[in-house]
């Protein structure tokens, strides 16, 4: 994400100035906290999936993958809903 931030910062600096760069930094930091639970779940299931795949238990691999996907989506969508609900009028 470093290269993308570099491109964003150069364009924001050119067209929006210091305030635009500051706003982007704040939004980027907030989004990091929103996505962090999904990233943790993704990293946490990797050994479980690998172990079950190695044992040939493919049904359990798919079951774990689906459960982790649903849990990640619920957590991220819930946090985004919470963020937008507190938006000032």
PDB file of N, CA and C in Angstrom:
ATOM      1  N   UNK A   1       0.821  -1.190   0.000  1.00  0.00           N
ATOM      2  CA  UNK A   1       0.000   0.000   0.000  1.00  0.00           C
ATOM      3  C   UNK A   1       0.861   1.248   0.000  1.00  0.00           C
ATOM      4  N   UNK A   2       2.151   1.112   0.138  1.00  0.00           N
ATOM      5  CA  UNK A   2       3.041   2.259   0.151  1.00  0.00           C
ATOM      6  C   UNK A   2       3.062   3.014  -1.167  1.00  0.00           C
ATOM      7  N   UNK A   3       3.085   2.275  -2.285  1.00  0.00           N
ATOM      8  CA  UNK A   3       3.109   2.928  -3.592  1.00  0.00           C
ATOM      9  C   UNK A   3       1.817   3.685  -3.860  1.00  0.00           C
ATOM     10  N   UNK A   4       0.699   3.084  -3.492  1.00  0.00           N
ATOM     11  CA  UNK A   4      -0.595   3.747  -3.689  1.00  0.00           C
ATOM     12  C   UNK A   4      -0.666   5.028  -2.857  1.00  0.00           C
ATOM     13  N   UNK A   5      -0.195   4.961  -1.624  1.00  0.00           N
ATOM     14  CA  UNK A   5      -0.191   6.160  -0.776  1.00  0.00           C
ATOM     15  C   UNK A   5       0.702   7.245  -1.361  1.00  0.00           C
ATOM     16  N   UNK A   6       1.822   6.847  -1.936  1.00  0.00           N
ATOM     17  CA  UNK A   6       2.718   7.813  -2.567  1.00  0.00           C
ATOM     18  C   UNK A   6       2.027   8.522  -3.728  1.00  0.00           C
ATOM     19  N   UNK A   7       1.329   7.758  -4.558  1.00  0.00           N
ATOM     20  CA  UNK A   7       0.616   8.348  -5.689  1.00  0.00           C
ATOM     21  C   UNK A   7      -0.512   9.254  -5.191  1.00  0.00           C
ATOM     22  N   UNK A   8      -1.283   8.770  -4.219  1.00  0.00           N
ATOM     23  CA  UNK A   8      -2.370   9.597  -3.662  1.00  0.00           C
ATOM     24  C   UNK A   8      -1.829  10.889  -3.065  1.00  0.00           C
ATOM     25  N   UNK A   9      -0.774  10.780  -2.276  1.00  0.00           N
ATOM     26  CA  UNK A   9      -0.228  11.974  -1.634  1.00  0.00           C
ATOM     27  C   UNK A   9       0.298  12.979  -2.650  1.00  0.00           C
ATOM     28  N   UNK A  10       0.947  12.502  -3.700  1.00  0.00           N
ATOM     29  CA  UNK A  10       1.452  13.447  -4.703  1.00  0.00           C
ATOM     30  C   UNK A  10       0.296  14.138  -5.425  1.00  0.00           C
ATOM     31  N   UNK A  11      -0.751  13.388  -5.756  1.00  0.00           N
ATOM     32  CA  UNK A  11      -1.894  13.994  -6.439  1.00  0.00           C
ATOM     33  C   UNK A  11      -2.695  14.907  -5.504  1.00  0.00           C
ATOM     34  N   UNK A  12      -2.868  14.462  -4.264  1.00  0.00           N
ATOM     35  CA  UNK A  12      -3.582  15.308  -3.303  1.00  0.00           C
ATOM     36  C   UNK A  12      -2.786  16.583  -3.011  1.00  0.00           C
ATOM     37  N   UNK A  13      -1.479  16.463  -2.929  1.00  0.00           N
ATOM     38  CA  UNK A  13      -0.657  17.650  -2.717  1.00  0.00           C
ATOM     39  C   UNK A  13      -0.738  18.617  -3.872  1.00  0.00           C
ATOM     40  N   UNK A  14      -0.812  18.075  -5.077  1.00  0.00           N
ATOM     41  CA  UNK A  14      -0.877  18.925  -6.269  1.00  0.00           C
ATOM     42  C   UNK A  14      -2.233  19.615  -6.394  1.00  0.00           C
ATOM     43  N   UNK A  15      -3.320  18.881  -6.162  1.00  0.00           N
ATOM     44  CA  UNK A  15      -4.654  19.431  -6.417  1.00  0.00           C
ATOM     45  C   UNK A  15      -5.421  19.857  -5.167  1.00  0.00           C
ATOM     46  N   UNK A  16      -5.074  19.309  -4.002  1.00  0.00           N
ATOM     47  CA  UNK A  16      -5.860  19.612  -2.813  1.00  0.00           C
ATOM     48  C   UNK A  16      -5.101  20.322  -1.715  1.00  0.00           C
ATOM     49  N   UNK A  17      -3.788  20.188  -1.698  1.00  0.00           N
ATOM     50  CA  UNK A  17      -2.990  20.848  -0.683  1.00  0.00           C
ATOM     51  C   UNK A  17      -2.839  20.010   0.577  1.00  0.00           C
ATOM     52  N   UNK A  18      -2.335  20.665   1.610  1.00  0.00           N
ATOM     53  CA  UNK A  18      -2.032  19.993   2.871  1.00  0.00           C
ATOM     54  C   UNK A  18      -3.266  19.436   3.568  1.00  0.00           C
ATOM     55  N   UNK A  19      -4.366  20.143   3.480  1.00  0.00           N
ATOM     56  CA  UNK A  19      -5.587  19.691   4.148  1.00  0.00           C
ATOM     57  C   UNK A  19      -6.071  18.375   3.522  1.00  0.00           C
ATOM     58  N   UNK A  20      -6.018  18.257   2.216  1.00  0.00           N
ATOM     59  CA  UNK A  20      -6.450  17.031   1.539  1.00  0.00           C
ATOM     60  C   UNK A  20      -5.568  15.849   1.946  1.00  0.00           C
ATOM     61  N   UNK A  21      -4.264  16.078   2.066  1.00  0.00           N
ATOM     62  CA  UNK A  21      -3.354  15.013   2.496  1.00  0.00           C
ATOM     63  C   UNK A  21      -3.665  14.594   3.924  1.00  0.00           C
ATOM     64  N   UNK A  22      -3.953  15.553   4.788  1.00  0.00           N
ATOM     65  CA  UNK A  22      -4.292  15.245   6.176  1.00  0.00           C
ATOM     66  C   UNK A  22      -5.590  14.446   6.280  1.00  0.00           C
ATOM     67  N   UNK A  23      -6.579  14.830   5.510  1.00  0.00           N
ATOM     68  CA  UNK A  23      -7.856  14.109   5.519  1.00  0.00           C
ATOM     69  C   UNK A  23      -7.660  12.682   5.021  1.00  0.00           C
ATOM     70  N   UNK A  24      -6.866  12.505   3.980  1.00  0.00           N
ATOM     71  CA  UNK A  24      -6.586  11.164   3.466  1.00  0.00           C
ATOM     72  C   UNK A  24      -5.884  10.315   4.525  1.00  0.00           C
ATOM     73  N   UNK A  25      -4.944  10.897   5.261  1.00  0.00           N
ATOM     74  CA  UNK A  25      -4.232  10.153   6.308  1.00  0.00           C
ATOM     75  C   UNK A  25      -5.187   9.699   7.408  1.00  0.00           C
ATOM     76  N   UNK A  26      -6.105  10.550   7.807  1.00  0.00           N
ATOM     77  CA  UNK A  26      -7.071  10.191   8.849  1.00  0.00           C
ATOM     78  C   UNK A  26      -7.998   9.083   8.362  1.00  0.00           C
ATOM     79  N   UNK A  27      -8.524   9.223   7.157  1.00  0.00           N
ATOM     80  CA  UNK A  27      -9.429   8.207   6.611  1.00  0.00           C
ATOM     81  C   UNK A  27      -8.708   6.877   6.436  1.00  0.00           C
ATOM     82  N   UNK A  28      -7.482   6.928   5.984  1.00  0.00           N
ATOM     83  CA  UNK A  28      -6.703   5.708   5.807  1.00  0.00           C
ATOM     84  C   UNK A  28      -6.462   5.002   7.141  1.00  0.00           C
ATOM     85  N   UNK A  29      -6.188   5.768   8.186  1.00  0.00           N
ATOM     86  CA  UNK A  29      -5.989   5.179   9.511  1.00  0.00           C
ATOM     87  C   UNK A  29      -7.267   4.537  10.040  1.00  0.00           C
ATOM     88  N   UNK A  30      -8.386   5.178   9.851  1.00  0.00           N
ATOM     89  CA  UNK A  30      -9.665   4.635  10.308  1.00  0.00           C
ATOM     90  C   UNK A  30      -9.990   3.347   9.552  1.00  0.00           C
ATOM     91  N   UNK A  31      -9.768   3.336   8.248  1.00  0.00           N
ATOM     92  CA  UNK A  31     -10.065   2.146   7.451  1.00  0.00           C
ATOM     93  C   UNK A  31      -9.160   0.976   7.834  1.00  0.00           C
ATOM     94  N   UNK A  32      -7.948   1.275   8.301  1.00  0.00           N
ATOM     95  CA  UNK A  32      -7.061   0.211   8.767  1.00  0.00           C
ATOM     96  C   UNK A  32      -7.684  -0.510   9.950  1.00  0.00           C
ATOM     97  N   UNK A  33      -8.284   0.222  10.877  1.00  0.00           N
ATOM     98  CA  UNK A  33      -8.929  -0.401  12.029  1.00  0.00           C
ATOM     99  C   UNK A  33     -10.182  -1.181  11.630  1.00  0.00           C
ATOM    100  N   UNK A  34     -10.858  -0.751  10.579  1.00  0.00           N
ATOM    101  CA  UNK A  34     -12.053  -1.456  10.125  1.00  0.00           C
ATOM    102  C   UNK A  34     -11.670  -2.800   9.498  1.00  0.00           C
ATOM    103  N   UNK A  35     -10.593  -2.821   8.732  1.00  0.00           N
ATOM    104  CA  UNK A  35     -10.196  -4.020   8.002  1.00  0.00           C
ATOM    105  C   UNK A  35      -9.368  -4.975   8.863  1.00  0.00           C
ATOM    106  N   UNK A  36      -8.815  -4.509   9.963  1.00  0.00           N
ATOM    107  CA  UNK A  36      -7.931  -5.329  10.799  1.00  0.00           C
ATOM    108  C   UNK A  36      -8.563  -6.642  11.288  1.00  0.00           C
ATOM    109  N   UNK A  37      -9.817  -6.678  11.759  1.00  0.00           N
ATOM    110  CA  UNK A  37     -10.389  -7.966  12.185  1.00  0.00           C
ATOM    111  C   UNK A  37     -10.459  -8.999  11.055  1.00  0.00           C
ATOM    112  N   UNK A  38     -10.811  -8.562   9.858  1.00  0.00           N
ATOM    113  CA  UNK A  38     -10.874  -9.492   8.731  1.00  0.00           C
ATOM    114  C   UNK A  38      -9.484 -10.021   8.394  1.00  0.00           C
ATOM    115  N   UNK A  39      -8.496  -9.181   8.490  1.00  0.00           N
ATOM    116  CA  UNK A  39      -7.123  -9.622   8.238  1.00  0.00           C
ATOM    117  C   UNK A  39      -6.674 -10.631   9.289  1.00  0.00           C
ATOM    118  N   UNK A  40      -7.025 -10.410  10.534  1.00  0.00           N
ATOM    119  CA  UNK A  40      -6.675 -11.342  11.596  1.00  0.00           C
ATOM    120  C   UNK A  40      -7.344 -12.692  11.419  1.00  0.00           C
ATOM    121  N   UNK A  41      -8.609 -12.676  11.025  1.00  0.00           N
ATOM    122  CA  UNK A  41      -9.320 -13.936  10.782  1.00  0.00           C
ATOM    123  C   UNK A  41      -8.675 -14.674   9.615  1.00  0.00           C
ATOM    124  N   UNK A  42      -8.340 -13.949   8.576  1.00  0.00           N
ATOM    125  CA  UNK A  42      -7.717 -14.558   7.405  1.00  0.00           C
ATOM    126  C   UNK A  42      -6.391 -15.222   7.758  1.00  0.00           C
ATOM    127  N   UNK A  43      -5.580 -14.553   8.549  1.00  0.00           N
ATOM    128  CA  UNK A  43      -4.300 -15.138   8.943  1.00  0.00           C
ATOM    129  C   UNK A  43      -4.493 -16.277   9.943  1.00  0.00           C
ATOM    130  N   UNK A  44      -5.512 -16.188  10.760  1.00  0.00           N
ATOM    131  CA  UNK A  44      -5.749 -17.216  11.766  1.00  0.00           C
ATOM    132  C   UNK A  44      -6.239 -18.543  11.205  1.00  0.00           C
ATOM    133  N   UNK A  45      -6.977 -18.498  10.088  1.00  0.00           N
ATOM    134  CA  UNK A  45      -7.505 -19.748   9.547  1.00  0.00           C
ATOM    135  C   UNK A  45      -6.518 -20.462   8.632  1.00  0.00           C
ATOM    136  N   UNK A  46      -5.441 -19.803   8.251  1.00  0.00           N
ATOM    137  CA  UNK A  46      -4.502 -20.424   7.318  1.00  0.00           C
ATOM    138  C   UNK A  46      -3.924 -21.746   7.838  1.00  0.00           C
ATOM    139  N   UNK A  47      -3.457 -21.825   9.083  1.00  0.00           N
ATOM    140  CA  UNK A  47      -2.967 -23.131   9.544  1.00  0.00           C
ATOM    141  C   UNK A  47      -4.072 -24.180   9.656  1.00  0.00           C
ATOM    142  N   UNK A  48      -5.280 -23.751  10.000  1.00  0.00           N
ATOM    143  CA  UNK A  48      -6.404 -24.691  10.094  1.00  0.00           C
ATOM    144  C   UNK A  48      -6.720 -25.256   8.716  1.00  0.00           C
ATOM    145  N   UNK A  49      -6.780 -24.378   7.720  1.00  0.00           N
ATOM    146  CA  UNK A  49      -7.053 -24.831   6.364  1.00  0.00           C
ATOM    147  C   UNK A  49      -5.934 -25.731   5.846  1.00  0.00           C
ATOM    148  N   UNK A  50      -4.698 -25.335   6.100  1.00  0.00           N
ATOM    149  CA  UNK A  50      -3.566 -26.132   5.627  1.00  0.00           C
ATOM    150  C   UNK A  50      -3.525 -27.516   6.250  1.00  0.00           C
ATOM    151  N   UNK A  51      -3.800 -27.599   7.525  1.00  0.00           N
ATOM    152  CA  UNK A  51      -3.798 -28.883   8.222  1.00  0.00           C
ATOM    153  C   UNK A  51      -4.899 -29.793   7.684  1.00  0.00           C
ATOM    154  N   UNK A  52      -6.088 -29.246   7.544  1.00  0.00           N
ATOM    155  CA  UNK A  52      -7.199 -30.054   7.047  1.00  0.00           C
ATOM    156  C   UNK A  52      -7.022 -30.425   5.577  1.00  0.00           C
ATOM    157  N   UNK A  53      -6.446 -29.550   4.804  1.00  0.00           N
ATOM    158  CA  UNK A  53      -6.193 -29.867   3.398  1.00  0.00           C
ATOM    159  C   UNK A  53      -5.155 -30.991   3.291  1.00  0.00           C
ATOM    160  N   UNK A  54      -4.120 -30.897   4.125  1.00  0.00           N
ATOM    161  CA  UNK A  54      -3.096 -31.939   4.130  1.00  0.00           C
ATOM    162  C   UNK A  54      -3.638 -33.292   4.554  1.00  0.00           C
ATOM    163  N   UNK A  55      -4.629 -33.304   5.421  1.00  0.00           N
ATOM    164  CA  UNK A  55      -5.251 -34.564   5.875  1.00  0.00           C
ATOM    165  C   UNK A  55      -6.297 -35.078   4.888  1.00  0.00           C
ATOM    166  N   UNK A  56      -6.582 -34.277   3.871  1.00  0.00           N
ATOM    167  CA  UNK A  56      -7.576 -34.695   2.884  1.00  0.00           C
ATOM    168  C   UNK A  56      -9.004 -34.423   3.307  1.00  0.00           C
ATOM    169  N   UNK A  57      -9.184 -33.602   4.324  1.00  0.00           N
ATOM    170  CA  UNK A  57     -10.518 -33.292   4.835  1.00  0.00           C
ATOM    171  C   UNK A  57     -11.045 -32.034   4.115  1.00  0.00           C
ATOM    172  N   UNK A  58     -11.370 -32.173   2.837  1.00  0.00           N
ATOM    173  CA  UNK A  58     -11.734 -31.030   2.004  1.00  0.00           C
ATOM    174  C   UNK A  58     -13.071 -30.408   2.401  1.00  0.00           C
ATOM    175  N   UNK A  59     -13.956 -31.217   2.921  1.00  0.00           N
ATOM    176  CA  UNK A  59     -15.257 -30.699   3.351  1.00  0.00           C
ATOM    177  C   UNK A  59     -15.074 -29.712   4.512  1.00  0.00           C
ATOM    178  N   UNK A  60     -14.200 -30.057   5.437  1.00  0.00           N
ATOM    179  CA  UNK A  60     -13.945 -29.166   6.569  1.00  0.00           C
ATOM    180  C   UNK A  60     -13.202 -27.904   6.133  1.00  0.00           C
ATOM    181  N   UNK A  61     -12.351 -28.024   5.116  1.00  0.00           N
ATOM    182  CA  UNK A  61     -11.665 -26.853   4.571  1.00  0.00           C
ATOM    183  C   UNK A  61     -12.697 -25.852   4.056  1.00  0.00           C
ATOM    184  N   UNK A  62     -13.641 -26.328   3.263  1.00  0.00           N
ATOM    185  CA  UNK A  62     -14.657 -25.429   2.706  1.00  0.00           C
ATOM    186  C   UNK A  62     -15.580 -24.879   3.788  1.00  0.00           C
ATOM    187  N   UNK A  63     -15.900 -25.697   4.774  1.00  0.00           N
ATOM    188  CA  UNK A  63     -16.755 -25.247   5.871  1.00  0.00           C
ATOM    189  C   UNK A  63     -16.069 -24.135   6.663  1.00  0.00           C
ATOM    190  N   UNK A  64     -14.805 -24.322   6.978  1.00  0.00           N
ATOM    191  CA  UNK A  64     -14.051 -23.307   7.726  1.00  0.00           C
ATOM    192  C   UNK A  64     -13.901 -22.040   6.896  1.00  0.00           C
ATOM    193  N   UNK A  65     -13.624 -22.201   5.620  1.00  0.00           N
ATOM    194  CA  UNK A  65     -13.470 -21.049   4.740  1.00  0.00           C
ATOM    195  C   UNK A  65     -14.756 -20.232   4.662  1.00  0.00           C
ATOM    196  N   UNK A  66     -15.878 -20.918   4.519  1.00  0.00           N
ATOM    197  CA  UNK A  66     -17.169 -20.209   4.455  1.00  0.00           C
ATOM    198  C   UNK A  66     -17.485 -19.494   5.768  1.00  0.00           C
ATOM    199  N   UNK A  67     -17.251 -20.165   6.884  1.00  0.00           N
ATOM    200  CA  UNK A  67     -17.524 -19.546   8.184  1.00  0.00           C
ATOM    201  C   UNK A  67     -16.644 -18.318   8.402  1.00  0.00           C
ATOM    202  N   UNK A  68     -15.385 -18.412   8.044  1.00  0.00           N
ATOM    203  CA  UNK A  68     -14.478 -17.281   8.211  1.00  0.00           C
ATOM    204  C   UNK A  68     -14.859 -16.125   7.300  1.00  0.00           C
ATOM    205  N   UNK A  69     -15.295 -16.442   6.086  1.00  0.00           N
ATOM    206  CA  UNK A  69     -15.712 -15.399   5.153  1.00  0.00           C
ATOM    207  C   UNK A  69     -16.945 -14.667   5.674  1.00  0.00           C
ATOM    208  N   UNK A  70     -17.907 -15.410   6.159  1.00  0.00           N
ATOM    209  CA  UNK A  70     -19.129 -14.793   6.686  1.00  0.00           C
ATOM    210  C   UNK A  70     -18.801 -13.943   7.921  1.00  0.00           C
ATOM    211  N   UNK A  71     -17.985 -14.473   8.821  1.00  0.00           N
ATOM    212  CA  UNK A  71     -17.619 -13.729  10.019  1.00  0.00           C
ATOM    213  C   UNK A  71     -16.872 -12.445   9.667  1.00  0.00           C
ATOM    214  N   UNK A  72     -15.951 -12.520   8.724  1.00  0.00           N
ATOM    215  CA  UNK A  72     -15.212 -11.323   8.304  1.00  0.00           C
ATOM    216  C   UNK A  72     -16.145 -10.280   7.711  1.00  0.00           C
ATOM    217  N   UNK A  73     -17.051 -10.712   6.841  1.00  0.00           N
ATOM    218  CA  UNK A  73     -17.993  -9.773   6.229  1.00  0.00           C
ATOM    219  C   UNK A  73     -18.891  -9.122   7.272  1.00  0.00           C
ATOM    220  N   UNK A  74     -19.378  -9.916   8.212  1.00  0.00           N
ATOM    221  CA  UNK A  74     -20.252  -9.372   9.256  1.00  0.00           C
ATOM    222  C   UNK A  74     -19.506  -8.333  10.081  1.00  0.00           C
ATOM    223  N   UNK A  75     -18.280  -8.644  10.479  1.00  0.00           N
ATOM    224  CA  UNK A  75     -17.518  -7.702  11.301  1.00  0.00           C
ATOM    225  C   UNK A  75     -17.214  -6.410  10.554  1.00  0.00           C
ATOM    226  N   UNK A  76     -16.776  -6.515   9.309  1.00  0.00           N
ATOM    227  CA  UNK A  76     -16.429  -5.317   8.541  1.00  0.00           C
ATOM    228  C   UNK A  76     -17.663  -4.481   8.234  1.00  0.00           C
ATOM    229  N   UNK A  77     -18.742  -5.118   7.808  1.00  0.00           N
ATOM    230  CA  UNK A  77     -19.959  -4.372   7.497  1.00  0.00           C
ATOM    231  C   UNK A  77     -20.572  -3.731   8.734  1.00  0.00           C
ATOM    232  N   UNK A  78     -20.491  -4.421   9.864  1.00  0.00           N
ATOM    233  CA  UNK A  78     -20.998  -3.864  11.109  1.00  0.00           C
ATOM    234  C   UNK A  78     -20.195  -2.627  11.511  1.00  0.00           C
ATOM    235  N   UNK A  79     -18.897  -2.691  11.379  1.00  0.00           N
ATOM    236  CA  UNK A  79     -18.059  -1.544  11.740  1.00  0.00           C
ATOM    237  C   UNK A  79     -18.284  -0.377  10.785  1.00  0.00           C
ATOM    238  N   UNK A  80     -18.441  -0.658   9.511  1.00  0.00           N
ATOM    239  CA  UNK A  80     -18.725   0.421   8.566  1.00  0.00           C
ATOM    240  C   UNK A  80     -20.080   1.050   8.847  1.00  0.00           C
ATOM    241  N   UNK A  81     -21.051   0.241   9.176  1.00  0.00           N
ATOM    242  CA  UNK A  81     -22.378   0.776   9.531  1.00  0.00           C
ATOM    243  C   UNK A  81     -22.269   1.676  10.750  1.00  0.00           C
ATOM    244  N   UNK A  82     -21.481   1.246  11.738  1.00  0.00           N
ATOM    245  CA  UNK A  82     -21.286   2.031  12.942  1.00  0.00           C
ATOM    246  C   UNK A  82     -20.608   3.368  12.624  1.00  0.00           C
ATOM    247  N   UNK A  83     -19.649   3.317  11.711  1.00  0.00           N
ATOM    248  CA  UNK A  83     -18.941   4.556  11.342  1.00  0.00           C
ATOM    249  C   UNK A  83     -19.881   5.544  10.663  1.00  0.00           C
ATOM    250  N   UNK A  84     -20.688   5.063   9.743  1.00  0.00           N
ATOM    251  CA  UNK A  84     -21.566   5.963   9.012  1.00  0.00           C
ATOM    252  C   UNK A  84     -22.764   6.411   9.838  1.00  0.00           C
ATOM    253  N   UNK A  85     -23.137   5.653  10.858  1.00  0.00           N
ATOM    254  CA  UNK A  85     -24.255   6.045  11.719  1.00  0.00           C
ATOM    255  C   UNK A  85     -23.883   7.232  12.588  1.00  0.00           C
ATOM    256  N   UNK A  86     -22.616   7.375  12.928  1.00  0.00           N
ATOM    257  CA  UNK A  86     -22.170   8.474  13.790  1.00  0.00           C
ATOM    258  C   UNK A  86     -21.757   9.700  13.007  1.00  0.00           C
ATOM    259  N   UNK A  87     -22.085   9.717  11.749  1.00  0.00           N
ATOM    260  CA  UNK A  87     -21.710  10.835  10.885  1.00  0.00           C
ATOM    261  C   UNK A  87     -22.479  12.085  11.326  1.00  0.00           C
ATOM    262  N   UNK A  88     -21.788  13.223  11.506  1.00  0.00           N
ATOM    263  CA  UNK A  88     -22.495  14.440  11.907  1.00  0.00           C
ATOM    264  C   UNK A  88     -23.373  14.966  10.781  1.00  0.00           C
ATOM    265  N   UNK A  89     -24.475  15.575  11.161  1.00  0.00           N
ATOM    266  CA  UNK A  89     -25.443  16.075  10.184  1.00  0.00           C
ATOM    267  C   UNK A  89     -24.998  17.365   9.550  1.00  0.00           C
TER     268      UNK A  89
END
